[in-house]
């Protein structure tokens, strides 16, 4: 199917707090969809409703064609969920965790063992397969947790803050595994506060604020919407900045940094602005240290849309 996750007017209220105020989402199959937002924006509440762990107070939600409220059992057959904390049994080995999950999902003993071997290799855990999971590093536990979610080969994978607390190397390994799952056809809905993570992984992003979707699009679309590209000029001699500013005055320079000898020019006319700036600076005899086109980052998008970080609890 083209759309594998969809919500319409999804609402949820907790005592004294309206967590979701009419969430509309459509997630294409075989993609990574990112949910961004401050603590309390509604990310985890949305995931819990979609994963059939929490009932909405209003609206509708469907996963893999099944209504999560009226037919949760059918929806669950298509769902894998990794919460904010790795949910593995530290008193069992990595292999035993996977075999146990296989048996709980009604695999035969033989098939459960075979699936465990397959996943241990896939997540680079074979050497640690027979060590207690409680002895694993944080990154290894997180990979084992993700492997456990995939035992029954779900078509939809919910990842709630999957790389929280991981070091950069472990985060990169986890990202590689997520990409591999998507390449194999799995759809991933990802909540994260790591903007780099969303930028690296997500095909589309919805930004939540106070229980509402305030923006949605591809990372590139969101960056374009928050502000256009600009030309950043760094001078070899910072003291030349006032002169360079006057030379580029017809192009309406926007920002400057006197200490760094750097100024910015909005690309109102695209490459024509770049050419005009280059000619003006050359004719003025100014020596340029760097001359580059810049674009807004996802950080710029996020803070432009959500404002200062809220202090609410994660919901």
C-alpha atoms as a PDB file:
ATOM      1  CA  UNK A   1       0.000   0.000   0.000  1.00  0.00           C
ATOM      2  CA  UNK A   2       1.116   3.562  -0.637  1.00  0.00           C
ATOM      3  CA  UNK A   3       0.265   4.892   2.849  1.00  0.00           C
ATOM      4  CA  UNK A   4       0.997   2.501   5.685  1.00  0.00           C
ATOM      5  CA  UNK A   5       0.462   4.810   8.698  1.00  0.00           C
ATOM      6  CA  UNK A   6      -2.224   7.469   8.807  1.00  0.00           C
ATOM      7  CA  UNK A   7      -3.928   9.537  11.463  1.00  0.00           C
ATOM      8  CA  UNK A   8      -6.837  11.949  11.208  1.00  0.00           C
ATOM      9  CA  UNK A   9      -7.657  14.422  13.970  1.00  0.00           C
ATOM     10  CA  UNK A  10      -5.852  12.370  16.621  1.00  0.00           C
ATOM     11  CA  UNK A  11      -6.510  13.766  20.107  1.00  0.00           C
ATOM     12  CA  UNK A  12      -5.421  12.777  23.610  1.00  0.00           C
ATOM     13  CA  UNK A  13      -5.889  14.485  26.953  1.00  0.00           C
ATOM     14  CA  UNK A  14      -4.238  13.712  30.273  1.00  0.00           C
ATOM     15  CA  UNK A  15      -5.329  15.298  33.559  1.00  0.00           C
ATOM     16  CA  UNK A  16      -4.560  19.000  33.222  1.00  0.00           C
ATOM     17  CA  UNK A  17      -2.842  18.611  29.852  1.00  0.00           C
ATOM     18  CA  UNK A  18      -3.986  18.181  26.248  1.00  0.00           C
ATOM     19  CA  UNK A  19      -1.189  16.135  24.704  1.00  0.00           C
ATOM     20  CA  UNK A  20      -2.556  15.863  21.146  1.00  0.00           C
ATOM     21  CA  UNK A  21      -4.803  18.460  19.532  1.00  0.00           C
ATOM     22  CA  UNK A  22      -5.785  16.915  16.227  1.00  0.00           C
ATOM     23  CA  UNK A  23      -2.774  15.233  14.630  1.00  0.00           C
ATOM     24  CA  UNK A  24      -2.973  14.434  10.904  1.00  0.00           C
ATOM     25  CA  UNK A  25      -0.184  12.264   9.476  1.00  0.00           C
ATOM     26  CA  UNK A  26       0.326  10.154   6.374  1.00  0.00           C
ATOM     27  CA  UNK A  27       3.426   7.972   6.175  1.00  0.00           C
ATOM     28  CA  UNK A  28       4.326   6.333   2.835  1.00  0.00           C
ATOM     29  CA  UNK A  29       5.390   2.696   2.950  1.00  0.00           C
ATOM     30  CA  UNK A  30       9.117   1.964   2.840  1.00  0.00           C
ATOM     31  CA  UNK A  31      10.205   5.346   4.189  1.00  0.00           C
ATOM     32  CA  UNK A  32      11.535   6.913   7.379  1.00  0.00           C
ATOM     33  CA  UNK A  33       9.153   9.468   8.865  1.00  0.00           C
ATOM     34  CA  UNK A  34      10.565  11.654  11.627  1.00  0.00           C
ATOM     35  CA  UNK A  35       8.652  13.307  14.466  1.00  0.00           C
ATOM     36  CA  UNK A  36      10.522  16.272  15.932  1.00  0.00           C
ATOM     37  CA  UNK A  37       9.538  18.354  18.937  1.00  0.00           C
ATOM     38  CA  UNK A  38      10.396  19.482  22.439  1.00  0.00           C
ATOM     39  CA  UNK A  39       9.677  17.340  25.483  1.00  0.00           C
ATOM     40  CA  UNK A  40       5.906  17.399  25.906  1.00  0.00           C
ATOM     41  CA  UNK A  41       5.221  18.130  22.233  1.00  0.00           C
ATOM     42  CA  UNK A  42       3.283  14.866  21.805  1.00  0.00           C
ATOM     43  CA  UNK A  43       5.799  12.604  20.051  1.00  0.00           C
ATOM     44  CA  UNK A  44       5.716   9.657  22.432  1.00  0.00           C
ATOM     45  CA  UNK A  45       1.954   9.920  22.928  1.00  0.00           C
ATOM     46  CA  UNK A  46       1.496   9.638  19.169  1.00  0.00           C
ATOM     47  CA  UNK A  47       3.752   6.573  18.987  1.00  0.00           C
ATOM     48  CA  UNK A  48       2.013   4.873  21.909  1.00  0.00           C
ATOM     49  CA  UNK A  49      -1.389   5.335  20.269  1.00  0.00           C
ATOM     50  CA  UNK A  50      -0.147   4.027  16.928  1.00  0.00           C
ATOM     51  CA  UNK A  51       1.475   1.042  18.663  1.00  0.00           C
ATOM     52  CA  UNK A  52      -1.871   0.211  20.368  1.00  0.00           C
ATOM     53  CA  UNK A  53      -0.455   0.884  23.844  1.00  0.00           C
ATOM     54  CA  UNK A  54      -2.718   3.871  24.482  1.00  0.00           C
ATOM     55  CA  UNK A  55      -6.224   4.751  23.320  1.00  0.00           C
ATOM     56  CA  UNK A  56      -6.877   8.099  21.700  1.00  0.00           C
ATOM     57  CA  UNK A  57      -9.692  10.292  22.963  1.00  0.00           C
ATOM     58  CA  UNK A  58     -10.642  11.340  19.444  1.00  0.00           C
ATOM     59  CA  UNK A  59      -9.749  10.919  15.795  1.00  0.00           C
ATOM     60  CA  UNK A  60      -8.635   7.844  13.917  1.00  0.00           C
ATOM     61  CA  UNK A  61      -5.367   6.011  13.353  1.00  0.00           C
ATOM     62  CA  UNK A  62      -4.579   3.123  11.020  1.00  0.00           C
ATOM     63  CA  UNK A  63      -1.419   1.027  10.706  1.00  0.00           C
ATOM     64  CA  UNK A  64      -0.973  -1.305   7.737  1.00  0.00           C
ATOM     65  CA  UNK A  65      -4.661  -0.834   6.929  1.00  0.00           C
ATOM     66  CA  UNK A  66      -5.910  -1.737  10.414  1.00  0.00           C
ATOM     67  CA  UNK A  67      -7.671   0.625  12.804  1.00  0.00           C
ATOM     68  CA  UNK A  68      -5.594   0.655  15.997  1.00  0.00           C
ATOM     69  CA  UNK A  69      -8.670   1.202  18.186  1.00  0.00           C
ATOM     70  CA  UNK A  70     -11.176  -1.249  16.693  1.00  0.00           C
ATOM     71  CA  UNK A  71      -8.703  -3.909  15.465  1.00  0.00           C
ATOM     72  CA  UNK A  72      -5.537  -3.622  17.605  1.00  0.00           C
ATOM     73  CA  UNK A  73      -4.591  -7.309  17.332  1.00  0.00           C
ATOM     74  CA  UNK A  74      -4.352  -7.150  13.548  1.00  0.00           C
ATOM     75  CA  UNK A  75      -2.341  -3.920  13.742  1.00  0.00           C
ATOM     76  CA  UNK A  76       0.108  -5.426  16.242  1.00  0.00           C
ATOM     77  CA  UNK A  77       1.041  -8.216  13.833  1.00  0.00           C
ATOM     78  CA  UNK A  78       2.640  -5.563  11.619  1.00  0.00           C
ATOM     79  CA  UNK A  79       4.317  -3.511  14.368  1.00  0.00           C
ATOM     80  CA  UNK A  80       7.739  -3.528  16.001  1.00  0.00           C
ATOM     81  CA  UNK A  81       8.421  -1.032  18.799  1.00  0.00           C
ATOM     82  CA  UNK A  82      11.633   0.137  20.439  1.00  0.00           C
ATOM     83  CA  UNK A  83      10.885   2.532  23.280  1.00  0.00           C
ATOM     84  CA  UNK A  84      13.117   5.163  24.835  1.00  0.00           C
ATOM     85  CA  UNK A  85      14.952   2.557  26.907  1.00  0.00           C
ATOM     86  CA  UNK A  86      16.259  -0.811  25.745  1.00  0.00           C
ATOM     87  CA  UNK A  87      13.732  -3.434  26.890  1.00  0.00           C
ATOM     88  CA  UNK A  88      15.944  -6.513  27.058  1.00  0.00           C
ATOM     89  CA  UNK A  89      16.297  -8.996  29.922  1.00  0.00           C
ATOM     90  CA  UNK A  90      19.718  -8.517  31.463  1.00  0.00           C
ATOM     91  CA  UNK A  91      19.556 -11.956  33.094  1.00  0.00           C
ATOM     92  CA  UNK A  92      19.366 -13.669  29.714  1.00  0.00           C
ATOM     93  CA  UNK A  93      22.028 -13.845  27.036  1.00  0.00           C
ATOM     94  CA  UNK A  94      21.584 -11.976  23.795  1.00  0.00           C
ATOM     95  CA  UNK A  95      20.732 -15.258  22.066  1.00  0.00           C
ATOM     96  CA  UNK A  96      18.229 -16.215  24.765  1.00  0.00           C
ATOM     97  CA  UNK A  97      16.476 -12.842  24.498  1.00  0.00           C
ATOM     98  CA  UNK A  98      15.967 -13.357  20.780  1.00  0.00           C
ATOM     99  CA  UNK A  99      14.891 -16.985  21.040  1.00  0.00           C
ATOM    100  CA  UNK A 100      12.397 -16.054  23.775  1.00  0.00           C
ATOM    101  CA  UNK A 101      10.874 -13.363  21.568  1.00  0.00           C
ATOM    102  CA  UNK A 102      10.739 -15.820  18.691  1.00  0.00           C
ATOM    103  CA  UNK A 103       8.807 -18.338  20.766  1.00  0.00           C
ATOM    104  CA  UNK A 104       6.442 -15.614  22.044  1.00  0.00           C
ATOM    105  CA  UNK A 105       5.688 -14.711  18.418  1.00  0.00           C
ATOM    106  CA  UNK A 106       4.844 -18.385  17.788  1.00  0.00           C
ATOM    107  CA  UNK A 107       7.959 -19.451  15.910  1.00  0.00           C
ATOM    108  CA  UNK A 108       8.898 -23.098  16.349  1.00  0.00           C
ATOM    109  CA  UNK A 109      11.932 -23.773  18.578  1.00  0.00           C
ATOM    110  CA  UNK A 110      14.035 -24.476  15.510  1.00  0.00           C
ATOM    111  CA  UNK A 111      12.868 -21.371  13.645  1.00  0.00           C
ATOM    112  CA  UNK A 112      13.331 -19.196  16.741  1.00  0.00           C
ATOM    113  CA  UNK A 113      16.944 -20.341  17.082  1.00  0.00           C
ATOM    114  CA  UNK A 114      17.592 -19.807  13.377  1.00  0.00           C
ATOM    115  CA  UNK A 115      16.073 -16.317  13.477  1.00  0.00           C
ATOM    116  CA  UNK A 116      18.231 -15.478  16.519  1.00  0.00           C
ATOM    117  CA  UNK A 117      21.385 -16.519  14.663  1.00  0.00           C
ATOM    118  CA  UNK A 118      20.352 -14.397  11.688  1.00  0.00           C
ATOM    119  CA  UNK A 119      19.676 -11.285  13.763  1.00  0.00           C
ATOM    120  CA  UNK A 120      22.805 -11.648  15.898  1.00  0.00           C
ATOM    121  CA  UNK A 121      24.880 -11.625  12.723  1.00  0.00           C
ATOM    122  CA  UNK A 122      22.916  -8.756  11.219  1.00  0.00           C
ATOM    123  CA  UNK A 123      23.468  -6.557  14.280  1.00  0.00           C
ATOM    124  CA  UNK A 124      27.118  -7.558  14.795  1.00  0.00           C
ATOM    125  CA  UNK A 125      26.375  -9.338  18.080  1.00  0.00           C
ATOM    126  CA  UNK A 126      27.482 -12.876  17.233  1.00  0.00           C
ATOM    127  CA  UNK A 127      30.637 -12.682  19.357  1.00  0.00           C
ATOM    128  CA  UNK A 128      28.552 -11.560  22.354  1.00  0.00           C
ATOM    129  CA  UNK A 129      25.615 -13.901  21.679  1.00  0.00           C
ATOM    130  CA  UNK A 130      26.125 -16.030  24.779  1.00  0.00           C
ATOM    131  CA  UNK A 131      27.003 -13.233  27.201  1.00  0.00           C
ATOM    132  CA  UNK A 132      24.366 -11.912  29.596  1.00  0.00           C
ATOM    133  CA  UNK A 133      22.666  -8.868  28.065  1.00  0.00           C
ATOM    134  CA  UNK A 134      23.214  -7.102  31.388  1.00  0.00           C
ATOM    135  CA  UNK A 135      26.941  -7.097  30.564  1.00  0.00           C
ATOM    136  CA  UNK A 136      26.426  -5.389  27.194  1.00  0.00           C
ATOM    137  CA  UNK A 137      27.425  -1.791  26.539  1.00  0.00           C
ATOM    138  CA  UNK A 138      24.683   0.754  25.949  1.00  0.00           C
ATOM    139  CA  UNK A 139      25.134   0.573  22.202  1.00  0.00           C
ATOM    140  CA  UNK A 140      25.034  -3.235  22.193  1.00  0.00           C
ATOM    141  CA  UNK A 141      21.887  -3.279  24.321  1.00  0.00           C
ATOM    142  CA  UNK A 142      20.233  -0.839  21.944  1.00  0.00           C
ATOM    143  CA  UNK A 143      21.142  -2.984  18.933  1.00  0.00           C
ATOM    144  CA  UNK A 144      19.839  -6.085  20.704  1.00  0.00           C
ATOM    145  CA  UNK A 145      16.629  -4.214  21.523  1.00  0.00           C
ATOM    146  CA  UNK A 146      16.181  -3.323  17.857  1.00  0.00           C
ATOM    147  CA  UNK A 147      16.918  -6.915  16.844  1.00  0.00           C
ATOM    148  CA  UNK A 148      14.217  -8.120  19.265  1.00  0.00           C
ATOM    149  CA  UNK A 149      11.709  -5.800  17.590  1.00  0.00           C
ATOM    150  CA  UNK A 150      12.441  -7.412  14.240  1.00  0.00           C
ATOM    151  CA  UNK A 151      12.092 -11.080  15.204  1.00  0.00           C
ATOM    152  CA  UNK A 152       8.615 -11.328  13.660  1.00  0.00           C
ATOM    153  CA  UNK A 153       9.606  -9.263  10.576  1.00  0.00           C
ATOM    154  CA  UNK A 154       7.248  -6.325  11.106  1.00  0.00           C
ATOM    155  CA  UNK A 155       6.373  -4.064   8.206  1.00  0.00           C
ATOM    156  CA  UNK A 156       6.257  -1.011  10.498  1.00  0.00           C
ATOM    157  CA  UNK A 157       8.897  -0.131  13.083  1.00  0.00           C
ATOM    158  CA  UNK A 158       8.332   2.556  15.726  1.00  0.00           C
ATOM    159  CA  UNK A 159      11.537   3.957  17.203  1.00  0.00           C
ATOM    160  CA  UNK A 160      11.105   6.339  20.133  1.00  0.00           C
ATOM    161  CA  UNK A 161      14.350   8.272  20.746  1.00  0.00           C
ATOM    162  CA  UNK A 162      16.381   5.269  19.497  1.00  0.00           C
ATOM    163  CA  UNK A 163      19.863   6.738  19.961  1.00  0.00           C
ATOM    164  CA  UNK A 164      19.326   8.602  23.232  1.00  0.00           C
ATOM    165  CA  UNK A 165      22.418   8.266  25.412  1.00  0.00           C
ATOM    166  CA  UNK A 166      24.543   6.544  22.773  1.00  0.00           C
ATOM    167  CA  UNK A 167      28.063   7.643  21.905  1.00  0.00           C
ATOM    168  CA  UNK A 168      28.673   8.846  18.326  1.00  0.00           C
ATOM    169  CA  UNK A 169      30.129   5.529  17.143  1.00  0.00           C
ATOM    170  CA  UNK A 170      27.186   3.524  18.505  1.00  0.00           C
ATOM    171  CA  UNK A 171      24.778   6.038  17.014  1.00  0.00           C
ATOM    172  CA  UNK A 172      26.347   5.623  13.572  1.00  0.00           C
ATOM    173  CA  UNK A 173      26.043   1.825  13.818  1.00  0.00           C
ATOM    174  CA  UNK A 174      22.395   2.120  14.812  1.00  0.00           C
ATOM    175  CA  UNK A 175      21.692   4.498  11.924  1.00  0.00           C
ATOM    176  CA  UNK A 176      23.243   2.018   9.505  1.00  0.00           C
ATOM    177  CA  UNK A 177      20.945  -0.735  10.793  1.00  0.00           C
ATOM    178  CA  UNK A 178      17.882   1.496  10.470  1.00  0.00           C
ATOM    179  CA  UNK A 179      18.801   2.320   6.875  1.00  0.00           C
ATOM    180  CA  UNK A 180      19.279  -1.382   6.154  1.00  0.00           C
ATOM    181  CA  UNK A 181      15.778  -2.134   7.444  1.00  0.00           C
ATOM    182  CA  UNK A 182      14.251   0.572   5.271  1.00  0.00           C
ATOM    183  CA  UNK A 183      16.182  -0.709   2.244  1.00  0.00           C
ATOM    184  CA  UNK A 184      14.596  -4.099   2.950  1.00  0.00           C
ATOM    185  CA  UNK A 185      11.108  -2.540   2.832  1.00  0.00           C
ATOM    186  CA  UNK A 186      10.365  -1.718   6.464  1.00  0.00           C
ATOM    187  CA  UNK A 187       8.640   1.580   7.250  1.00  0.00           C
ATOM    188  CA  UNK A 188      10.129   3.468  10.195  1.00  0.00           C
ATOM    189  CA  UNK A 189       8.437   6.140  12.285  1.00  0.00           C
ATOM    190  CA  UNK A 190      11.158   7.811  14.320  1.00  0.00           C
ATOM    191  CA  UNK A 191      10.895  10.273  17.192  1.00  0.00           C
ATOM    192  CA  UNK A 192      14.048  12.142  18.051  1.00  0.00           C
ATOM    193  CA  UNK A 193      15.461  15.310  19.539  1.00  0.00           C
ATOM    194  CA  UNK A 194      18.723  14.862  17.641  1.00  0.00           C
ATOM    195  CA  UNK A 195      18.342  17.130  14.644  1.00  0.00           C
ATOM    196  CA  UNK A 196      21.298  15.497  12.899  1.00  0.00           C
ATOM    197  CA  UNK A 197      19.568  12.131  13.273  1.00  0.00           C
ATOM    198  CA  UNK A 198      16.388  13.386  11.616  1.00  0.00           C
ATOM    199  CA  UNK A 199      18.396  15.060   8.861  1.00  0.00           C
ATOM    200  CA  UNK A 200      20.395  11.898   8.187  1.00  0.00           C
ATOM    201  CA  UNK A 201      17.563   9.363   8.313  1.00  0.00           C
ATOM    202  CA  UNK A 202      14.166  10.899   7.623  1.00  0.00           C
ATOM    203  CA  UNK A 203      12.575  11.098   4.190  1.00  0.00           C
ATOM    204  CA  UNK A 204       9.875  13.354   5.641  1.00  0.00           C
ATOM    205  CA  UNK A 205       9.593  15.179   8.949  1.00  0.00           C
ATOM    206  CA  UNK A 206       6.667  16.484  10.968  1.00  0.00           C
ATOM    207  CA  UNK A 207       7.486  19.087  13.615  1.00  0.00           C
ATOM    208  CA  UNK A 208       5.199  18.936  16.665  1.00  0.00           C
ATOM    209  CA  UNK A 209       4.596  21.760  19.118  1.00  0.00           C
ATOM    210  CA  UNK A 210       2.039  21.688  21.953  1.00  0.00           C
ATOM    211  CA  UNK A 211       0.296  18.655  20.483  1.00  0.00           C
ATOM    212  CA  UNK A 212      -0.053  20.015  16.945  1.00  0.00           C
ATOM    213  CA  UNK A 213       1.777  19.563  13.653  1.00  0.00           C
ATOM    214  CA  UNK A 214       3.288  22.973  12.903  1.00  0.00           C
ATOM    215  CA  UNK A 215       5.204  21.950   9.773  1.00  0.00           C
ATOM    216  CA  UNK A 216       5.735  18.913   7.574  1.00  0.00           C
ATOM    217  CA  UNK A 217       7.898  18.159   4.570  1.00  0.00           C
ATOM    218  CA  UNK A 218      11.217  16.752   3.455  1.00  0.00           C
ATOM    219  CA  UNK A 219      14.271  18.099   5.290  1.00  0.00           C
ATOM    220  CA  UNK A 220      15.159  20.159   2.207  1.00  0.00           C
ATOM    221  CA  UNK A 221      11.648  21.598   1.915  1.00  0.00           C
ATOM    222  CA  UNK A 222      11.622  22.638   5.566  1.00  0.00           C
ATOM    223  CA  UNK A 223      15.012  24.289   5.211  1.00  0.00           C
ATOM    224  CA  UNK A 224      13.850  26.242   2.184  1.00  0.00           C
ATOM    225  CA  UNK A 225      10.646  27.319   3.922  1.00  0.00           C
ATOM    226  CA  UNK A 226      12.402  28.738   6.973  1.00  0.00           C
ATOM    227  CA  UNK A 227      14.713  30.951   4.934  1.00  0.00           C
ATOM    228  CA  UNK A 228      16.451  31.157   1.577  1.00  0.00           C
ATOM    229  CA  UNK A 229      20.037  30.455   0.695  1.00  0.00           C
ATOM    230  CA  UNK A 230      22.700  33.064   1.263  1.00  0.00           C
ATOM    231  CA  UNK A 231      26.225  33.793   0.115  1.00  0.00           C
ATOM    232  CA  UNK A 232      28.787  33.855   2.902  1.00  0.00           C
ATOM    233  CA  UNK A 233      31.947  35.858   2.201  1.00  0.00           C
ATOM    234  CA  UNK A 234      34.992  35.640   4.460  1.00  0.00           C
ATOM    235  CA  UNK A 235      37.688  38.258   3.924  1.00  0.00           C
ATOM    236  CA  UNK A 236      41.401  37.528   4.153  1.00  0.00           C
ATOM    237  CA  UNK A 237      41.750  40.776   6.141  1.00  0.00           C
ATOM    238  CA  UNK A 238      38.897  41.301   8.652  1.00  0.00           C
ATOM    239  CA  UNK A 239      39.646  45.040   8.758  1.00  0.00           C
ATOM    240  CA  UNK A 240      38.368  45.252   5.171  1.00  0.00           C
ATOM    241  CA  UNK A 241      34.846  44.333   6.275  1.00  0.00           C
ATOM    242  CA  UNK A 242      33.371  47.902   6.237  1.00  0.00           C
ATOM    243  CA  UNK A 243      34.698  48.447   2.715  1.00  0.00           C
ATOM    244  CA  UNK A 244      33.351  45.089   1.526  1.00  0.00           C
ATOM    245  CA  UNK A 245      29.980  45.935   3.079  1.00  0.00           C
ATOM    246  CA  UNK A 246      29.829  49.194   1.113  1.00  0.00           C
ATOM    247  CA  UNK A 247      30.927  47.462  -2.101  1.00  0.00           C
ATOM    248  CA  UNK A 248      28.130  44.910  -1.754  1.00  0.00           C
ATOM    249  CA  UNK A 249      25.520  47.445  -0.575  1.00  0.00           C
ATOM    250  CA  UNK A 250      23.507  47.162  -3.843  1.00  0.00           C
ATOM    251  CA  UNK A 251      23.035  43.441  -3.060  1.00  0.00           C
ATOM    252  CA  UNK A 252      21.702  44.256   0.431  1.00  0.00           C
ATOM    253  CA  UNK A 253      24.102  42.327   2.686  1.00  0.00           C
ATOM    254  CA  UNK A 254      22.333  40.986   5.751  1.00  0.00           C
ATOM    255  CA  UNK A 255      24.702  39.990   8.551  1.00  0.00           C
ATOM    256  CA  UNK A 256      28.325  40.596   9.424  1.00  0.00           C
ATOM    257  CA  UNK A 257      30.878  39.372  11.912  1.00  0.00           C
ATOM    258  CA  UNK A 258      33.619  41.983  12.422  1.00  0.00           C
ATOM    259  CA  UNK A 259      35.912  39.664  14.374  1.00  0.00           C
ATOM    260  CA  UNK A 260      35.843  36.995  11.651  1.00  0.00           C
ATOM    261  CA  UNK A 261      35.680  39.417   8.724  1.00  0.00           C
ATOM    262  CA  UNK A 262      32.590  37.651   7.423  1.00  0.00           C
ATOM    263  CA  UNK A 263      29.366  38.914   5.867  1.00  0.00           C
ATOM    264  CA  UNK A 264      26.276  37.356   4.296  1.00  0.00           C
ATOM    265  CA  UNK A 265      24.303  38.291   1.198  1.00  0.00           C
ATOM    266  CA  UNK A 266      20.786  36.843   0.586  1.00  0.00           C
ATOM    267  CA  UNK A 267      20.589  35.047  -2.762  1.00  0.00           C
ATOM    268  CA  UNK A 268      17.473  36.888  -3.890  1.00  0.00           C
ATOM    269  CA  UNK A 269      18.370  36.303  -7.545  1.00  0.00           C
ATOM    270  CA  UNK A 270      20.109  32.970  -7.140  1.00  0.00           C
ATOM    271  CA  UNK A 271      23.344  32.553  -9.038  1.00  0.00           C
ATOM    272  CA  UNK A 272      23.016  36.050 -10.518  1.00  0.00           C
ATOM    273  CA  UNK A 273      23.632  37.416  -7.013  1.00  0.00           C
ATOM    274  CA  UNK A 274      26.697  35.190  -6.647  1.00  0.00           C
ATOM    275  CA  UNK A 275      28.122  36.412  -9.943  1.00  0.00           C
ATOM    276  CA  UNK A 276      27.444  40.069  -9.106  1.00  0.00           C
ATOM    277  CA  UNK A 277      29.091  39.727  -5.701  1.00  0.00           C
ATOM    278  CA  UNK A 278      32.151  38.006  -7.167  1.00  0.00           C
ATOM    279  CA  UNK A 279      32.618  40.730  -9.791  1.00  0.00           C
ATOM    280  CA  UNK A 280      32.125  43.558  -7.271  1.00  0.00           C
ATOM    281  CA  UNK A 281      34.628  42.117  -4.815  1.00  0.00           C
ATOM    282  CA  UNK A 282      37.186  41.442  -7.555  1.00  0.00           C
ATOM    283  CA  UNK A 283      36.889  44.940  -8.992  1.00  0.00           C
ATOM    284  CA  UNK A 284      37.321  46.386  -5.493  1.00  0.00           C
ATOM    285  CA  UNK A 285      40.585  44.476  -5.077  1.00  0.00           C
ATOM    286  CA  UNK A 286      39.422  42.679  -1.946  1.00  0.00           C
ATOM    287  CA  UNK A 287      41.148  39.396  -1.065  1.00  0.00           C
ATOM    288  CA  UNK A 288      38.684  36.632  -0.233  1.00  0.00           C
ATOM    289  CA  UNK A 289      39.472  33.787   2.160  1.00  0.00           C
ATOM    290  CA  UNK A 290      36.211  31.898   1.570  1.00  0.00           C
ATOM    291  CA  UNK A 291      33.245  32.347  -0.747  1.00  0.00           C
ATOM    292  CA  UNK A 292      30.431  29.830  -0.245  1.00  0.00           C
ATOM    293  CA  UNK A 293      26.697  29.291  -0.584  1.00  0.00           C
ATOM    294  CA  UNK A 294      25.006  28.403   2.702  1.00  0.00           C
ATOM    295  CA  UNK A 295      21.585  26.983   3.480  1.00  0.00           C
ATOM    296  CA  UNK A 296      19.515  26.900   6.688  1.00  0.00           C
ATOM    297  CA  UNK A 297      20.202  23.876   8.876  1.00  0.00           C
ATOM    298  CA  UNK A 298      17.545  21.674  10.433  1.00  0.00           C
ATOM    299  CA  UNK A 299      18.461  23.405  13.692  1.00  0.00           C
ATOM    300  CA  UNK A 300      17.318  26.687  12.136  1.00  0.00           C
ATOM    301  CA  UNK A 301      14.057  25.059  11.061  1.00  0.00           C
ATOM    302  CA  UNK A 302      13.423  23.509  14.452  1.00  0.00           C
ATOM    303  CA  UNK A 303      13.981  26.613  16.536  1.00  0.00           C
ATOM    304  CA  UNK A 304      12.160  28.837  14.071  1.00  0.00           C
ATOM    305  CA  UNK A 305       9.061  26.655  14.364  1.00  0.00           C
ATOM    306  CA  UNK A 306       9.092  25.621  18.020  1.00  0.00           C
ATOM    307  CA  UNK A 307      10.758  28.496  19.839  1.00  0.00           C
ATOM    308  CA  UNK A 308      12.437  28.084  23.255  1.00  0.00           C
ATOM    309  CA  UNK A 309      12.608  24.614  24.746  1.00  0.00           C
ATOM    310  CA  UNK A 310       9.612  23.815  26.920  1.00  0.00           C
ATOM    311  CA  UNK A 311       9.996  22.281  30.329  1.00  0.00           C
ATOM    312  CA  UNK A 312       7.143  19.768  30.107  1.00  0.00           C
ATOM    313  CA  UNK A 313       7.531  16.063  30.721  1.00  0.00           C
ATOM    314  CA  UNK A 314       8.075  13.732  27.800  1.00  0.00           C
ATOM    315  CA  UNK A 315       4.646  12.712  26.487  1.00  0.00           C
END
